[in-house]
Amino acid sequence: MDGSFNTDGLELPAPDLILPNGAQAWRAVEQGSWEWLMLRAGLPTASELASLLVKGKDPKKANGLGAGAITYAHTVAAELILGGPVSNFQGNEHTERGHALEGELADNYALLRGVDLDTLGFIRLGRFGYSPDRLVGANGLLEVKAPQPHKVIGMLRDADFPSDYRAQCLGGLYATDREWIDLVAGARDLPECIRRLDHERVRAEVEALRDALDRFVAYVDDTVAFIRGIAGDGPDAAALAQALPVAAE
């Protein structure tokens, strides 16, 4: 189609801008839209990074990936073969709560910190995808979460960065090369919890993430080549791809 480019077998709209680190970015695409799903199809994304950091029992098998990462790799491989998303995830009560509160939490954060926020729909760095909740000024990122109240209370009582969201936020730093990322988590009638990852302090973790992504992408490519080696590029390959187990997101 006009104004698009083709990469890894998927036809995508041309990016709106290129970030200083070379990443491609799409501004107007809405998270959850079909266009957004197409942009992230065939890529490992930040929301699933935690599975990549769990090492497999045998480092010689599947590039050392754990069981969860292997299932996720099969999902990404299927998307590359089929040319689009395969997950049927439509959201749940947690995602609905997050969408309802995200804007309010972001606005409160901006007012409290006295900063300007900007939005981008999707960022692609090589074979990795990231959907930032907000950009903060010229140097920061913001990730917004609205978990259940008891989890927010636990975060407020723990000064450490919440482990449930660490991998995703590391992915944001990797994708953008920004100096820091703040996580704000909140629930109704509770104060917001704000925690920060400074890129320089977690650089070793970002490098470990880069290594895990390289091993993951290599396994994805091996899987695609294996299926196409059996079934070619036609309907039989698509049928085999559809038969692969799909990550639940």
Protein backbone atom coordinates (compact mmCIF):
# COMPACT_ATOMS: atom_id res chain seq x y z
CA MET A 1 0.00 0.00 0.00
CA ASP A 2 1.05 3.59 -0.55
CA GLY A 3 3.43 5.05 2.05
CA SER A 4 4.35 1.71 3.55
CA PHE A 5 7.42 -0.45 3.72
CA ASN A 6 7.92 -4.19 4.08
CA THR A 7 10.08 -5.78 6.77
CA ASP A 8 10.38 -9.39 7.90
CA GLY A 9 7.49 -10.40 5.68
CA LEU A 10 5.04 -7.90 7.20
CA GLU A 11 3.78 -4.80 5.40
CA LEU A 12 3.77 -1.83 7.77
CA PRO A 13 2.94 1.87 7.54
CA ALA A 14 5.96 4.13 7.31
CA PRO A 15 7.08 5.55 10.69
CA ASP A 16 6.24 9.12 11.65
CA LEU A 17 9.68 9.83 13.05
CA ILE A 18 13.08 8.34 13.86
CA LEU A 19 14.32 8.61 17.44
CA PRO A 20 17.91 9.67 18.22
CA ASN A 21 18.91 6.03 18.81
CA GLY A 22 17.62 5.04 15.36
CA ALA A 23 14.34 3.52 16.56
CA GLN A 24 11.29 3.98 14.34
CA ALA A 25 8.22 5.53 15.98
CA TRP A 26 4.55 5.84 15.10
CA ARG A 27 2.76 8.70 16.83
CA ALA A 28 -0.93 8.48 15.95
CA VAL A 29 -1.51 4.73 16.16
CA GLU A 30 -3.80 3.83 19.07
CA GLN A 31 -2.82 1.01 21.40
CA GLY A 32 -5.17 -1.92 20.90
CA SER A 33 -6.16 -0.90 17.35
CA TRP A 34 -5.71 -3.22 14.39
CA GLU A 35 -2.91 -1.03 13.04
CA TRP A 36 -1.13 -1.27 16.41
CA LEU A 37 -1.55 -5.05 16.43
CA MET A 38 -0.06 -5.24 12.94
CA LEU A 39 2.91 -3.07 13.92
CA ARG A 40 3.82 -5.36 16.80
CA ALA A 41 3.09 -8.65 15.01
CA GLY A 42 6.21 -10.73 14.52
CA LEU A 43 8.16 -8.85 17.21
CA PRO A 44 8.97 -9.61 20.83
CA THR A 45 7.52 -6.72 22.83
CA ALA A 46 8.24 -5.17 26.20
CA SER A 47 5.11 -6.57 27.87
CA GLU A 48 6.40 -10.14 27.42
CA LEU A 49 10.06 -9.62 28.31
CA ALA A 50 9.91 -11.25 31.72
CA SER A 51 9.62 -14.68 30.08
CA LEU A 52 12.82 -14.09 28.08
CA LEU A 53 14.83 -13.54 31.25
CA VAL A 54 13.93 -16.97 32.68
CA LYS A 55 16.70 -19.34 31.65
CA GLY A 56 15.95 -22.82 30.39
CA LYS A 57 17.14 -25.93 32.19
CA ASP A 58 19.47 -26.86 29.33
CA PRO A 59 21.49 -23.94 27.87
CA LYS A 60 22.19 -26.00 24.74
CA LYS A 61 18.50 -26.33 23.81
CA ALA A 62 16.37 -23.59 22.24
CA ASN A 63 19.20 -21.09 22.73
CA GLY A 64 18.84 -21.43 26.49
CA LEU A 65 15.26 -20.10 26.54
CA GLY A 66 12.80 -21.16 29.21
CA ALA A 67 9.46 -22.83 28.49
CA GLY A 68 7.49 -19.58 28.58
CA ALA A 69 9.87 -17.88 26.16
CA ILE A 70 9.69 -20.86 23.77
CA THR A 71 5.89 -20.64 23.65
CA TYR A 72 6.14 -16.92 23.07
CA ALA A 73 8.73 -17.46 20.32
CA HIS A 74 6.32 -19.83 18.59
CA THR A 75 3.70 -17.08 18.71
CA VAL A 76 6.08 -14.56 17.12
CA ALA A 77 7.15 -17.11 14.49
CA ALA A 78 3.51 -17.82 13.62
CA GLU A 79 2.86 -14.09 13.17
CA LEU A 80 5.79 -13.79 10.76
CA ILE A 81 4.51 -16.71 8.68
CA LEU A 82 0.86 -15.62 8.74
CA GLY A 83 1.62 -11.93 8.21
CA GLY A 84 -0.37 -10.65 11.17
CA PRO A 85 -1.32 -11.11 14.83
CA VAL A 86 -2.45 -14.50 16.12
CA SER A 87 -3.41 -13.66 19.70
CA ASN A 88 -7.12 -13.34 20.48
CA PHE A 89 -6.52 -11.46 23.72
CA GLN A 90 -9.29 -8.85 24.13
CA GLY A 91 -8.42 -7.52 27.56
CA ASN A 92 -9.75 -8.32 31.01
CA GLU A 93 -10.83 -6.51 34.16
CA HIS A 94 -7.22 -5.55 34.90
CA THR A 95 -6.60 -3.98 31.48
CA GLU A 96 -9.97 -2.22 31.60
CA ARG A 97 -9.13 -0.77 35.01
CA GLY A 98 -5.75 0.32 33.73
CA HIS A 99 -7.21 2.10 30.71
CA ALA A 100 -9.75 3.88 32.89
CA LEU A 101 -7.13 5.19 35.32
CA GLU A 102 -4.14 5.68 33.02
CA GLY A 103 -4.96 9.22 31.97
CA GLU A 104 -5.74 10.32 35.51
CA LEU A 105 -2.56 8.81 36.93
CA ALA A 106 -0.45 10.33 34.16
CA ASP A 107 -2.00 13.78 34.69
CA ASN A 108 -1.43 13.57 38.44
CA TYR A 109 2.19 12.59 37.84
CA ALA A 110 2.75 15.51 35.44
CA LEU A 111 1.24 17.96 37.94
CA LEU A 112 3.24 16.56 40.86
CA ARG A 113 6.56 16.56 38.98
CA GLY A 114 5.94 19.70 36.94
CA VAL A 115 6.81 18.00 33.65
CA ASP A 116 5.44 17.86 30.11
CA LEU A 117 4.20 14.53 28.79
CA ASP A 118 3.97 13.35 25.18
CA THR A 119 2.55 10.23 23.58
CA LEU A 120 3.79 7.78 20.97
CA GLY A 121 1.73 4.81 19.88
CA PHE A 122 4.53 2.38 19.09
CA ILE A 123 8.33 2.19 18.87
CA ARG A 124 10.36 -0.37 16.95
CA LEU A 125 14.08 -0.87 17.49
CA GLY A 126 15.35 -3.56 15.16
CA ARG A 127 13.41 -6.72 16.00
CA PHE A 128 11.87 -5.34 19.22
CA GLY A 129 8.66 -3.45 19.88
CA TYR A 130 7.61 -1.11 22.68
CA SER A 131 4.43 0.86 23.40
CA PRO A 132 5.31 3.71 25.78
CA ASP A 133 2.57 5.07 28.01
CA ARG A 134 4.14 8.52 27.95
CA LEU A 135 7.39 10.31 27.10
CA VAL A 136 8.57 12.68 29.85
CA GLY A 137 10.34 15.80 28.57
CA ALA A 138 13.43 15.10 26.50
CA ASN A 139 14.99 12.41 28.69
CA GLY A 140 12.40 10.30 30.50
CA LEU A 141 9.69 7.69 30.11
CA LEU A 142 6.56 6.95 32.10
CA GLU A 143 4.93 3.56 32.58
CA VAL A 144 1.46 3.67 34.16
CA LYS A 145 -0.12 0.72 35.99
CA ALA A 146 -3.41 0.30 37.84
CA PRO A 147 -3.14 -3.05 39.64
CA GLN A 148 -5.45 -4.28 42.37
CA PRO A 149 -5.37 -2.13 45.55
CA HIS A 150 -3.56 -4.72 47.65
CA LYS A 151 -0.70 -4.74 45.14
CA VAL A 152 -0.41 -0.95 45.26
CA ILE A 153 -0.23 -1.13 49.06
CA GLY A 154 2.57 -3.68 48.77
CA MET A 155 4.47 -1.40 46.40
CA LEU A 156 4.07 1.57 48.72
CA ARG A 157 5.57 -0.43 51.58
CA ASP A 158 8.54 -1.64 49.49
CA ALA A 159 11.13 0.92 48.42
CA ASP A 160 12.50 -1.35 45.68
CA PHE A 161 11.35 -1.15 42.07
CA PRO A 162 8.38 -3.56 41.63
CA SER A 163 9.69 -6.82 40.19
CA ASP A 164 6.46 -7.47 38.23
CA TYR A 165 7.19 -4.51 35.97
CA ARG A 166 10.97 -4.37 35.95
CA ALA A 167 11.54 -6.29 32.70
CA GLN A 168 8.97 -4.22 30.83
CA CYS A 169 10.54 -0.97 32.01
CA LEU A 170 14.02 -2.20 31.12
CA GLY A 171 12.60 -2.83 27.68
CA GLY A 172 11.48 0.78 27.50
CA LEU A 173 14.99 1.98 28.27
CA TYR A 174 16.42 -0.40 25.67
CA ALA A 175 13.97 0.71 22.97
CA THR A 176 14.42 4.45 23.49
CA ASP A 177 17.86 4.86 25.11
CA ARG A 178 16.32 7.48 27.40
CA GLU A 179 18.02 8.36 30.68
CA TRP A 180 15.35 7.03 33.03
CA ILE A 181 11.87 5.56 33.32
CA ASP A 182 9.37 6.19 36.10
CA LEU A 183 6.69 3.69 37.04
CA VAL A 184 3.54 5.14 38.57
CA ALA A 185 1.06 2.65 40.03
CA GLY A 186 -2.22 3.61 41.59
CA ALA A 187 -5.70 2.54 42.61
CA ARG A 188 -8.81 4.38 43.70
CA ASP A 189 -8.54 6.03 47.15
CA LEU A 190 -4.82 5.23 47.46
CA PRO A 191 -1.76 7.46 46.96
CA GLU A 192 0.26 6.77 43.83
CA CYS A 193 3.47 4.78 44.09
CA ILE A 194 6.30 6.18 41.95
CA ARG A 195 9.55 4.29 41.40
CA ARG A 196 12.41 5.06 39.00
CA LEU A 197 14.97 3.07 37.03
CA ASP A 198 18.03 5.11 36.05
CA HIS A 199 19.47 3.84 32.78
CA GLU A 200 23.09 4.19 33.85
CA ARG A 201 22.53 2.21 37.04
CA VAL A 202 20.74 -0.65 35.29
CA ARG A 203 22.87 -0.71 32.14
CA ALA A 204 24.13 -4.24 32.89
CA GLU A 205 20.51 -5.44 33.07
CA VAL A 206 19.70 -3.76 29.77
CA GLU A 207 22.68 -5.50 28.17
CA ALA A 208 21.51 -8.84 29.58
CA LEU A 209 18.12 -8.11 28.05
CA ARG A 210 19.76 -7.38 24.70
CA ASP A 211 21.49 -10.77 24.84
CA ALA A 212 18.22 -12.52 25.68
CA LEU A 213 16.50 -10.78 22.77
CA ASP A 214 19.25 -11.84 20.39
CA ARG A 215 18.88 -15.47 21.46
CA PHE A 216 15.10 -15.22 21.27
CA VAL A 217 15.06 -13.74 17.77
CA ALA A 218 17.52 -16.37 16.57
CA TYR A 219 15.21 -19.10 17.86
CA VAL A 220 12.22 -17.41 16.19
CA ASP A 221 14.08 -17.35 12.87
CA ASP A 222 15.09 -21.01 13.27
CA THR A 223 11.44 -21.91 13.90
CA VAL A 224 10.25 -20.00 10.83
CA ALA A 225 12.94 -21.65 8.69
CA PHE A 226 12.04 -25.08 10.06
CA ILE A 227 8.35 -24.71 9.24
CA ARG A 228 9.02 -23.30 5.79
CA GLY A 229 11.55 -26.06 5.19
CA ILE A 230 8.78 -28.59 5.77
CA ALA A 231 5.85 -26.82 4.16
CA GLY A 232 7.21 -24.04 1.94
CA ASP A 233 5.59 -20.59 1.92
CA GLY A 234 2.03 -21.57 1.07
CA PRO A 235 -1.12 -22.70 2.89
CA ASP A 236 0.59 -25.68 4.49
CA ALA A 237 3.05 -23.41 6.28
CA ALA A 238 0.18 -21.21 7.45
CA ALA A 239 -1.66 -24.24 8.78
CA LEU A 240 1.39 -25.38 10.73
CA ALA A 241 1.87 -21.87 12.11
CA GLN A 242 -1.73 -21.75 13.29
CA ALA A 243 -1.18 -25.05 15.09
CA LEU A 244 1.64 -23.68 17.23
CA PRO A 245 0.79 -22.93 20.86
CA VAL A 246 0.03 -19.24 21.36
CA ALA A 247 1.15 -17.12 24.30
CA ALA A 248 -1.74 -15.88 26.42
CA GLU A 249 -0.34 -12.29 26.64
